[in-house]
Amino acid sequence: MSHLISCQDLNKSLDTVEDLVVIDCRFDLTAPALGLTQYLADHIPGAHYLHLNDDLSGPIIANQTGRHPLPSQKVLSRKLGQMGIQRGTQVVAYDQNQGAFAARLWWLLRWLGHDTVQVLNGGYDDWRAHEHPITHDLPAPQPAPFVSQPPLTRIMQQPDWNKPTNQLIDVRDPARFRGDHEPIDPIAGHIPGAMNLPFLDNLESGRFKDAAILAKQFAKAGLADAQTLVCYCGSGVTATQMILALLEAGYPEPALYPGSWSEWILDPAHLAALSDATR
């Protein structure tokens, strides 16, 4: 099963798939309340809402965690159960158009061992562009017992990065990778040894590129199947979009560095690898 679903297929599934839960993950890092406001105004019929900071992340611990720590599995499992998700439930996550916030939920569900989850390709923008139905009505809660299973994902922390078979991938934009500017975190640059593959390059007109095109794109960048790929970003969110794209392209399950850049820079011993122009 693809990790993506088209708007057309989701629209059909709303009427034909009985055990289906749709979750709106729209969010704006610069305006954290905007996503919920947008959801309350209109959303896909039957969709619930999960907030990146409040639901898809755990508490920030000063000088220890990045900006979006992984949530408690117990707490997240309870929230998912309250939305009617149980083993076998088909879950579809969507955001505005770039897939990163939806991919965070997709990754978290797979972290909890739930494999029937997809991201809406093109997001809410594509849904509206195709004039599929929308509503402002809120879904009635239908709780179900969500029980986590062994994870389908991989997590890797710093001690494992130095193996020659590992390749660290920074998915932020090139300017942030080079250290030309840093709009969010206090230090600019990237983790030594990382290569830059911007997550936005996986998209065309707001939708993921075809799997064959992604495969050629990654091969051209020098990625090999034999490598263990480790993805990071600013805080462990957009890196999940890259993991999804790599899986669509046929690569083995990449690992996520959950704390990413915002956690890595908390260690005084770490020196950012800046370009010569910014030293």
C-alpha atoms as a PDB file:
ATOM      1  CA  MET A   1       0.000   0.000   0.000  1.00  0.00           C
ATOM      2  CA  SER A   2       1.241   3.462  -0.866  1.00  0.00           C
ATOM      3  CA  HIS A   3       1.857   5.853   2.003  1.00  0.00           C
ATOM      4  CA  LEU A   4      -0.075   8.460  -0.008  1.00  0.00           C
ATOM      5  CA  ILE A   5      -3.718   8.699  -1.018  1.00  0.00           C
ATOM      6  CA  SER A   6      -5.175  10.970  -3.680  1.00  0.00           C
ATOM      7  CA  CYS A   7      -8.037  13.367  -3.038  1.00  0.00           C
ATOM      8  CA  GLN A   8     -10.195  11.405  -5.461  1.00  0.00           C
ATOM      9  CA  ASP A   9      -9.591   8.124  -3.633  1.00  0.00           C
ATOM     10  CA  LEU A  10     -10.205   9.682  -0.223  1.00  0.00           C
ATOM     11  CA  ASN A  11     -13.447  11.227  -1.444  1.00  0.00           C
ATOM     12  CA  LYS A  12     -14.634   7.771  -2.522  1.00  0.00           C
ATOM     13  CA  SER A  13     -13.455   6.230   0.753  1.00  0.00           C
ATOM     14  CA  LEU A  14     -15.562   8.648   2.810  1.00  0.00           C
ATOM     15  CA  ASP A  15     -18.634   6.782   1.553  1.00  0.00           C
ATOM     16  CA  THR A  16     -17.249   3.268   1.157  1.00  0.00           C
ATOM     17  CA  VAL A  17     -14.764   2.600   3.986  1.00  0.00           C
ATOM     18  CA  GLU A  18     -16.530   2.011   7.284  1.00  0.00           C
ATOM     19  CA  ASP A  19     -13.524   2.108   9.626  1.00  0.00           C
ATOM     20  CA  LEU A  20     -11.923   5.336   8.397  1.00  0.00           C
ATOM     21  CA  VAL A  21     -10.625   8.242  10.478  1.00  0.00           C
ATOM     22  CA  VAL A  22      -9.446  11.463   8.838  1.00  0.00           C
ATOM     23  CA  ILE A  23      -7.253  13.859  10.823  1.00  0.00           C
ATOM     24  CA  ASP A  24      -6.558  17.499  10.006  1.00  0.00           C
ATOM     25  CA  CYS A  25      -2.973  18.459  10.924  1.00  0.00           C
ATOM     26  CA  ARG A  26      -2.837  21.980   9.500  1.00  0.00           C
ATOM     27  CA  PHE A  27      -0.369  24.145  11.408  1.00  0.00           C
ATOM     28  CA  ASP A  28       1.782  27.241  11.064  1.00  0.00           C
ATOM     29  CA  LEU A  29       5.054  27.460  12.996  1.00  0.00           C
ATOM     30  CA  THR A  30       4.785  31.266  13.091  1.00  0.00           C
ATOM     31  CA  ALA A  31       1.116  31.268  14.152  1.00  0.00           C
ATOM     32  CA  PRO A  32       0.462  28.147  16.262  1.00  0.00           C
ATOM     33  CA  ALA A  33      -3.281  28.817  16.652  1.00  0.00           C
ATOM     34  CA  LEU A  34      -3.928  29.222  12.919  1.00  0.00           C
ATOM     35  CA  GLY A  35      -4.361  25.543  12.070  1.00  0.00           C
ATOM     36  CA  LEU A  36      -7.150  25.011  14.593  1.00  0.00           C
ATOM     37  CA  THR A  37      -8.829  28.222  13.450  1.00  0.00           C
ATOM     38  CA  GLN A  38      -8.743  26.977   9.865  1.00  0.00           C
ATOM     39  CA  TYR A  39     -10.108  23.590  10.914  1.00  0.00           C
ATOM     40  CA  LEU A  40     -13.035  25.137  12.785  1.00  0.00           C
ATOM     41  CA  ALA A  41     -13.859  27.251   9.728  1.00  0.00           C
ATOM     42  CA  ASP A  42     -13.959  24.306   7.319  1.00  0.00           C
ATOM     43  CA  HIS A  43     -12.443  20.868   6.898  1.00  0.00           C
ATOM     44  CA  ILE A  44     -12.936  17.499   5.235  1.00  0.00           C
ATOM     45  CA  PRO A  45     -16.205  15.910   6.431  1.00  0.00           C
ATOM     46  CA  GLY A  46     -15.679  13.788   9.523  1.00  0.00           C
ATOM     47  CA  ALA A  47     -12.133  15.028  10.124  1.00  0.00           C
ATOM     48  CA  HIS A  48     -10.756  15.412  13.631  1.00  0.00           C
ATOM     49  CA  TYR A  49      -7.941  17.847  14.487  1.00  0.00           C
ATOM     50  CA  LEU A  50      -4.550  17.267  16.101  1.00  0.00           C
ATOM     51  CA  HIS A  51      -2.247  20.166  16.987  1.00  0.00           C
ATOM     52  CA  LEU A  52       1.491  19.867  16.348  1.00  0.00           C
ATOM     53  CA  ASN A  53       2.552  21.458  19.627  1.00  0.00           C
ATOM     54  CA  ASP A  54      -0.206  20.160  21.887  1.00  0.00           C
ATOM     55  CA  ASP A  55      -0.903  16.689  20.495  1.00  0.00           C
ATOM     56  CA  LEU A  56       1.914  15.573  18.188  1.00  0.00           C
ATOM     57  CA  SER A  57       4.754  16.696  20.477  1.00  0.00           C
ATOM     58  CA  GLY A  58       5.724  16.208  24.093  1.00  0.00           C
ATOM     59  CA  PRO A  59       6.701  18.839  26.669  1.00  0.00           C
ATOM     60  CA  ILE A  60       9.871  20.803  25.958  1.00  0.00           C
ATOM     61  CA  ILE A  61      12.540  20.348  28.623  1.00  0.00           C
ATOM     62  CA  ALA A  62      14.905  23.313  28.781  1.00  0.00           C
ATOM     63  CA  ASN A  63      18.472  22.537  27.675  1.00  0.00           C
ATOM     64  CA  GLN A  64      17.549  18.902  26.969  1.00  0.00           C
ATOM     65  CA  THR A  65      15.047  18.598  24.127  1.00  0.00           C
ATOM     66  CA  GLY A  66      14.477  20.143  20.738  1.00  0.00           C
ATOM     67  CA  ARG A  67      11.445  22.218  19.826  1.00  0.00           C
ATOM     68  CA  HIS A  68       9.122  19.274  19.139  1.00  0.00           C
ATOM     69  CA  PRO A  69      10.017  16.273  21.332  1.00  0.00           C
ATOM     70  CA  LEU A  70       8.225  13.010  20.676  1.00  0.00           C
ATOM     71  CA  PRO A  71       4.986  12.779  22.664  1.00  0.00           C
ATOM     72  CA  SER A  72       4.306  10.179  25.312  1.00  0.00           C
ATOM     73  CA  GLN A  73       3.164   7.004  23.572  1.00  0.00           C
ATOM     74  CA  LYS A  74       0.576   6.472  26.299  1.00  0.00           C
ATOM     75  CA  VAL A  75      -0.867   9.972  25.983  1.00  0.00           C
ATOM     76  CA  LEU A  76      -0.940   9.894  22.186  1.00  0.00           C
ATOM     77  CA  SER A  77      -2.501   6.426  22.169  1.00  0.00           C
ATOM     78  CA  ARG A  78      -5.294   7.683  24.410  1.00  0.00           C
ATOM     79  CA  LYS A  79      -5.988  10.635  22.090  1.00  0.00           C
ATOM     80  CA  LEU A  80      -6.035   8.380  19.034  1.00  0.00           C
ATOM     81  CA  GLY A  81      -8.453   6.013  20.749  1.00  0.00           C
ATOM     82  CA  GLN A  82     -10.747   8.919  21.592  1.00  0.00           C
ATOM     83  CA  MET A  83     -10.966   9.617  17.850  1.00  0.00           C
ATOM     84  CA  GLY A  84     -12.082   6.072  17.139  1.00  0.00           C
ATOM     85  CA  ILE A  85      -8.765   4.667  15.961  1.00  0.00           C
ATOM     86  CA  GLN A  86      -8.083   1.024  16.734  1.00  0.00           C
ATOM     87  CA  ARG A  87      -6.106  -1.752  15.127  1.00  0.00           C
ATOM     88  CA  GLY A  88      -7.068  -1.951  11.453  1.00  0.00           C
ATOM     89  CA  THR A  89      -8.579   1.536  11.246  1.00  0.00           C
ATOM     90  CA  GLN A  90      -7.649   3.317   8.029  1.00  0.00           C
ATOM     91  CA  VAL A  91      -6.224   6.711   8.997  1.00  0.00           C
ATOM     92  CA  VAL A  92      -5.683   9.577   6.565  1.00  0.00           C
ATOM     93  CA  ALA A  93      -3.729  12.635   7.714  1.00  0.00           C
ATOM     94  CA  TYR A  94      -3.674  15.928   5.853  1.00  0.00           C
ATOM     95  CA  ASP A  95      -2.273  19.430   6.179  1.00  0.00           C
ATOM     96  CA  GLN A  96      -2.382  22.471   3.918  1.00  0.00           C
ATOM     97  CA  ASN A  97      -0.160  21.273   1.065  1.00  0.00           C
ATOM     98  CA  GLN A  98       3.456  20.390   1.922  1.00  0.00           C
ATOM     99  CA  GLY A  99       2.792  17.135   3.742  1.00  0.00           C
ATOM    100  CA  ALA A 100       5.180  17.753   6.641  1.00  0.00           C
ATOM    101  CA  PHE A 101       2.697  18.123   9.503  1.00  0.00           C
ATOM    102  CA  ALA A 102       0.570  15.273   8.167  1.00  0.00           C
ATOM    103  CA  ALA A 103       3.720  13.167   7.803  1.00  0.00           C
ATOM    104  CA  ARG A 104       4.528  13.808  11.466  1.00  0.00           C
ATOM    105  CA  LEU A 105       1.262  12.098  12.435  1.00  0.00           C
ATOM    106  CA  TRP A 106       1.846   9.389   9.805  1.00  0.00           C
ATOM    107  CA  TRP A 107       5.279   8.690  11.332  1.00  0.00           C
ATOM    108  CA  LEU A 108       3.957   8.754  14.913  1.00  0.00           C
ATOM    109  CA  LEU A 109       1.232   6.244  14.086  1.00  0.00           C
ATOM    110  CA  ARG A 110       3.810   3.941  12.534  1.00  0.00           C
ATOM    111  CA  TRP A 111       5.979   4.521  15.632  1.00  0.00           C
ATOM    112  CA  LEU A 112       3.022   3.109  17.570  1.00  0.00           C
ATOM    113  CA  GLY A 113       2.896   0.128  15.201  1.00  0.00           C
ATOM    114  CA  HIS A 114      -0.158   1.264  13.197  1.00  0.00           C
ATOM    115  CA  ASP A 115       0.467   0.508   9.530  1.00  0.00           C
ATOM    116  CA  THR A 116      -2.856   1.495   7.934  1.00  0.00           C
ATOM    117  CA  VAL A 117      -2.134   5.202   7.682  1.00  0.00           C
ATOM    118  CA  GLN A 118      -1.690   7.459   4.666  1.00  0.00           C
ATOM    119  CA  VAL A 119      -1.027  11.121   3.917  1.00  0.00           C
ATOM    120  CA  LEU A 120      -3.387  13.016   1.619  1.00  0.00           C
ATOM    121  CA  ASN A 121      -1.321  13.879  -1.445  1.00  0.00           C
ATOM    122  CA  GLY A 122      -1.709  17.584  -2.171  1.00  0.00           C
ATOM    123  CA  GLY A 123      -3.336  18.270   1.179  1.00  0.00           C
ATOM    124  CA  TYR A 124      -6.317  20.488   1.823  1.00  0.00           C
ATOM    125  CA  ASP A 125      -5.383  22.852  -0.998  1.00  0.00           C
ATOM    126  CA  ASP A 126      -5.756  20.041  -3.525  1.00  0.00           C
ATOM    127  CA  TRP A 127      -8.971  18.883  -1.872  1.00  0.00           C
ATOM    128  CA  ARG A 128     -10.468  22.359  -2.289  1.00  0.00           C
ATOM    129  CA  ALA A 129      -9.109  22.719  -5.825  1.00  0.00           C
ATOM    130  CA  HIS A 130     -11.033  19.580  -6.831  1.00  0.00           C
ATOM    131  CA  GLU A 131     -14.174  20.977  -5.165  1.00  0.00           C
ATOM    132  CA  HIS A 132     -14.620  17.986  -2.898  1.00  0.00           C
ATOM    133  CA  PRO A 133     -17.067  18.431   0.006  1.00  0.00           C
ATOM    134  CA  ILE A 134     -16.139  20.449   3.078  1.00  0.00           C
ATOM    135  CA  THR A 135     -17.932  21.180   6.327  1.00  0.00           C
ATOM    136  CA  HIS A 136     -17.621  23.104   9.572  1.00  0.00           C
ATOM    137  CA  ASP A 137     -19.485  20.415  11.532  1.00  0.00           C
ATOM    138  CA  LEU A 138     -17.429  18.662  14.198  1.00  0.00           C
ATOM    139  CA  PRO A 139     -17.393  14.850  14.268  1.00  0.00           C
ATOM    140  CA  ALA A 140     -19.150  13.018  17.079  1.00  0.00           C
ATOM    141  CA  PRO A 141     -16.642  11.145  19.273  1.00  0.00           C
ATOM    142  CA  GLN A 142     -16.738   7.366  18.866  1.00  0.00           C
ATOM    143  CA  PRO A 143     -13.986   6.103  21.203  1.00  0.00           C
ATOM    144  CA  ALA A 144     -12.200   2.850  20.460  1.00  0.00           C
ATOM    145  CA  PRO A 145      -9.417   0.910  22.227  1.00  0.00           C
ATOM    146  CA  PHE A 146      -6.132   1.944  20.625  1.00  0.00           C
ATOM    147  CA  VAL A 147      -3.351  -0.420  21.682  1.00  0.00           C
ATOM    148  CA  SER A 148       0.162   0.315  20.450  1.00  0.00           C
ATOM    149  CA  GLN A 149       2.168  -2.385  18.683  1.00  0.00           C
ATOM    150  CA  PRO A 150       5.929  -2.794  18.056  1.00  0.00           C
ATOM    151  CA  PRO A 151       7.211   0.198  16.062  1.00  0.00           C
ATOM    152  CA  LEU A 152       7.485   0.153  12.290  1.00  0.00           C
ATOM    153  CA  THR A 153       9.825   3.134  12.386  1.00  0.00           C
ATOM    154  CA  ARG A 154      13.490   3.601  13.234  1.00  0.00           C
ATOM    155  CA  ILE A 155      15.033   6.132  15.607  1.00  0.00           C
ATOM    156  CA  MET A 156      18.726   6.922  15.713  1.00  0.00           C
ATOM    157  CA  GLN A 157      20.627   9.118  18.115  1.00  0.00           C
ATOM    158  CA  GLN A 158      24.076  10.641  17.669  1.00  0.00           C
ATOM    159  CA  PRO A 159      26.399   7.793  18.786  1.00  0.00           C
ATOM    160  CA  ASP A 160      25.379   5.692  15.787  1.00  0.00           C
ATOM    161  CA  TRP A 161      25.966   8.338  13.131  1.00  0.00           C
ATOM    162  CA  ASN A 162      29.671   7.761  12.699  1.00  0.00           C
ATOM    163  CA  LYS A 163      29.311   4.310  11.129  1.00  0.00           C
ATOM    164  CA  PRO A 164      30.563   4.445   7.512  1.00  0.00           C
ATOM    165  CA  THR A 165      27.333   2.852   6.278  1.00  0.00           C
ATOM    166  CA  ASN A 166      25.195   5.632   7.768  1.00  0.00           C
ATOM    167  CA  GLN A 167      24.275   8.794   5.853  1.00  0.00           C
ATOM    168  CA  LEU A 168      22.842  11.771   7.717  1.00  0.00           C
ATOM    169  CA  ILE A 169      20.348  13.843   5.687  1.00  0.00           C
ATOM    170  CA  ASP A 170      19.439  17.435   6.564  1.00  0.00           C
ATOM    171  CA  VAL A 171      16.083  18.225   4.927  1.00  0.00           C
ATOM    172  CA  ARG A 172      15.993  21.970   5.657  1.00  0.00           C
ATOM    173  CA  ASP A 173      16.372  24.558   2.917  1.00  0.00           C
ATOM    174  CA  PRO A 174      19.905  25.126   1.548  1.00  0.00           C
ATOM    175  CA  ALA A 175      20.340  28.547   3.166  1.00  0.00           C
ATOM    176  CA  ARG A 176      19.670  27.143   6.630  1.00  0.00           C
ATOM    177  CA  PHE A 177      21.899  24.147   5.910  1.00  0.00           C
ATOM    178  CA  ARG A 178      24.779  26.417   4.844  1.00  0.00           C
ATOM    179  CA  GLY A 179      24.246  28.671   7.845  1.00  0.00           C
ATOM    180  CA  ASP A 180      23.433  31.733   5.737  1.00  0.00           C
ATOM    181  CA  HIS A 181      20.498  32.462   8.015  1.00  0.00           C
ATOM    182  CA  GLU A 182      18.541  30.778  10.788  1.00  0.00           C
ATOM    183  CA  PRO A 183      14.984  32.091  11.319  1.00  0.00           C
ATOM    184  CA  ILE A 184      14.020  29.789  14.200  1.00  0.00           C
ATOM    185  CA  ASP A 185      16.946  28.352  16.155  1.00  0.00           C
ATOM    186  CA  PRO A 186      19.664  30.392  17.924  1.00  0.00           C
ATOM    187  CA  ILE A 187      22.594  28.855  16.015  1.00  0.00           C
ATOM    188  CA  ALA A 188      22.941  28.446  12.255  1.00  0.00           C
ATOM    189  CA  GLY A 189      24.637  25.650  10.340  1.00  0.00           C
ATOM    190  CA  HIS A 190      24.321  21.887  10.082  1.00  0.00           C
ATOM    191  CA  ILE A 191      25.518  18.703  11.758  1.00  0.00           C
ATOM    192  CA  PRO A 192      28.976  17.677  10.477  1.00  0.00           C
ATOM    193  CA  GLY A 193      28.827  14.935   7.876  1.00  0.00           C
ATOM    194  CA  ALA A 194      25.261  15.663   6.806  1.00  0.00           C
ATOM    195  CA  MET A 195      24.179  16.079   3.202  1.00  0.00           C
ATOM    196  CA  ASN A 196      21.401  18.468   2.215  1.00  0.00           C
ATOM    197  CA  LEU A 197      18.227  17.177   0.549  1.00  0.00           C
ATOM    198  CA  PRO A 198      15.485  19.819   1.007  1.00  0.00           C
ATOM    199  CA  PHE A 199      12.099  18.256   1.719  1.00  0.00           C
ATOM    200  CA  LEU A 200      10.331  20.733  -0.553  1.00  0.00           C
ATOM    201  CA  ASP A 201      12.179  19.193  -3.514  1.00  0.00           C
ATOM    202  CA  ASN A 202       9.967  16.129  -3.060  1.00  0.00           C
ATOM    203  CA  LEU A 203       6.949  18.147  -4.194  1.00  0.00           C
ATOM    204  CA  GLU A 204       5.650  19.575  -7.427  1.00  0.00           C
ATOM    205  CA  SER A 205       2.684  21.958  -7.289  1.00  0.00           C
ATOM    206  CA  GLY A 206       2.029  20.896  -3.692  1.00  0.00           C
ATOM    207  CA  ARG A 207       1.884  17.160  -4.478  1.00  0.00           C
ATOM    208  CA  PHE A 208       4.535  14.487  -4.059  1.00  0.00           C
ATOM    209  CA  LYS A 209       6.379  13.632  -7.230  1.00  0.00           C
ATOM    210  CA  ASP A 210       5.805  10.184  -8.702  1.00  0.00           C
ATOM    211  CA  ALA A 211       7.778   7.394  -7.028  1.00  0.00           C
ATOM    212  CA  ALA A 212       9.937   6.814 -10.111  1.00  0.00           C
ATOM    213  CA  ILE A 213      10.884  10.495 -10.279  1.00  0.00           C
ATOM    214  CA  LEU A 214      11.729  10.536  -6.578  1.00  0.00           C
ATOM    215  CA  ALA A 215      13.871   7.420  -7.009  1.00  0.00           C
ATOM    216  CA  LYS A 216      15.878   9.075  -9.793  1.00  0.00           C
ATOM    217  CA  GLN A 217      16.190  12.257  -7.740  1.00  0.00           C
ATOM    218  CA  PHE A 218      17.590  10.404  -4.730  1.00  0.00           C
ATOM    219  CA  ALA A 219      19.895   8.222  -6.817  1.00  0.00           C
ATOM    220  CA  LYS A 220      21.292  11.334  -8.499  1.00  0.00           C
ATOM    221  CA  ALA A 221      21.971  12.772  -5.041  1.00  0.00           C
ATOM    222  CA  GLY A 222      24.118   9.732  -4.283  1.00  0.00           C
ATOM    223  CA  LEU A 223      21.868   7.752  -1.959  1.00  0.00           C
ATOM    224  CA  ALA A 224      22.388   3.997  -2.026  1.00  0.00           C
ATOM    225  CA  ASP A 225      20.140   1.185  -0.809  1.00  0.00           C
ATOM    226  CA  ALA A 226      23.008  -0.232   1.238  1.00  0.00           C
ATOM    227  CA  GLN A 227      23.242   2.914   3.353  1.00  0.00           C
ATOM    228  CA  THR A 228      21.322   3.483   6.566  1.00  0.00           C
ATOM    229  CA  LEU A 229      19.705   6.858   6.016  1.00  0.00           C
ATOM    230  CA  VAL A 230      19.126   9.121   9.024  1.00  0.00           C
ATOM    231  CA  CYS A 231      16.896  12.156   8.480  1.00  0.00           C
ATOM    232  CA  TYR A 232      16.783  15.324  10.538  1.00  0.00           C
ATOM    233  CA  CYS A 233      15.463  18.860  10.218  1.00  0.00           C
ATOM    234  CA  GLY A 234      14.939  21.662  12.722  1.00  0.00           C
ATOM    235  CA  SER A 235      12.845  19.743  15.216  1.00  0.00           C
ATOM    236  CA  GLY A 236      11.874  16.339  13.826  1.00  0.00           C
ATOM    237  CA  VAL A 237       8.835  17.376  11.781  1.00  0.00           C
ATOM    238  CA  THR A 238       9.745  18.004   8.137  1.00  0.00           C
ATOM    239  CA  ALA A 239      12.223  15.108   8.321  1.00  0.00           C
ATOM    240  CA  THR A 240       9.238  12.752   8.478  1.00  0.00           C
ATOM    241  CA  GLN A 241       8.088  14.031   5.082  1.00  0.00           C
ATOM    242  CA  MET A 242      11.477  13.029   3.672  1.00  0.00           C
ATOM    243  CA  ILE A 243      11.170   9.588   5.264  1.00  0.00           C
ATOM    244  CA  LEU A 244       7.805   9.138   3.556  1.00  0.00           C
ATOM    245  CA  ALA A 245       9.241  10.215   0.194  1.00  0.00           C
ATOM    246  CA  LEU A 246      12.187   7.821   0.537  1.00  0.00           C
ATOM    247  CA  LEU A 247       9.853   4.935   1.312  1.00  0.00           C
ATOM    248  CA  GLU A 248       7.700   5.824  -1.696  1.00  0.00           C
ATOM    249  CA  ALA A 249      10.873   5.758  -3.805  1.00  0.00           C
ATOM    250  CA  GLY A 250      11.641   2.225  -2.651  1.00  0.00           C
ATOM    251  CA  TYR A 251      14.362   2.833  -0.052  1.00  0.00           C
ATOM    252  CA  PRO A 252      14.516   0.814   3.178  1.00  0.00           C
ATOM    253  CA  GLU A 253      13.011   2.448   6.262  1.00  0.00           C
ATOM    254  CA  PRO A 254      15.133   5.535   7.053  1.00  0.00           C
ATOM    255  CA  ALA A 255      15.776   6.475  10.666  1.00  0.00           C
ATOM    256  CA  LEU A 256      14.653   9.720  12.295  1.00  0.00           C
ATOM    257  CA  TYR A 257      16.785  11.813  14.624  1.00  0.00           C
ATOM    258  CA  PRO A 258      13.808  13.148  16.614  1.00  0.00           C
ATOM    259  CA  GLY A 259      15.543  16.053  18.361  1.00  0.00           C
ATOM    260  CA  SER A 260      17.166  17.241  15.138  1.00  0.00           C
ATOM    261  CA  TRP A 261      19.083  20.526  14.878  1.00  0.00           C
ATOM    262  CA  SER A 262      17.269  22.276  17.741  1.00  0.00           C
ATOM    263  CA  GLU A 263      18.365  19.518  20.141  1.00  0.00           C
ATOM    264  CA  TRP A 264      21.840  18.986  18.702  1.00  0.00           C
ATOM    265  CA  ILE A 265      22.879  22.618  19.258  1.00  0.00           C
ATOM    266  CA  LEU A 266      22.093  22.386  22.979  1.00  0.00           C
ATOM    267  CA  ASP A 267      25.332  20.467  23.565  1.00  0.00           C
ATOM    268  CA  PRO A 268      28.187  23.003  23.992  1.00  0.00           C
ATOM    269  CA  ALA A 269      30.625  20.467  22.546  1.00  0.00           C
ATOM    270  CA  HIS A 270      28.892  20.482  19.189  1.00  0.00           C
ATOM    271  CA  LEU A 271      30.260  22.873  16.584  1.00  0.00           C
ATOM    272  CA  ALA A 272      28.130  23.751  13.593  1.00  0.00           C
ATOM    273  CA  ALA A 273      29.711  22.924  10.244  1.00  0.00           C
ATOM    274  CA  LEU A 274      29.368  26.235   8.489  1.00  0.00           C
ATOM    275  CA  SER A 275      30.384  27.067   4.945  1.00  0.00           C
ATOM    276  CA  ASP A 276      33.612  28.990   4.415  1.00  0.00           C
ATOM    277  CA  ALA A 277      31.563  32.073   3.605  1.00  0.00           C
ATOM    278  CA  THR A 278      29.964  32.121   7.043  1.00  0.00           C
ATOM    279  CA  ARG A 279      32.935  31.242   9.203  1.00  0.00           C
END
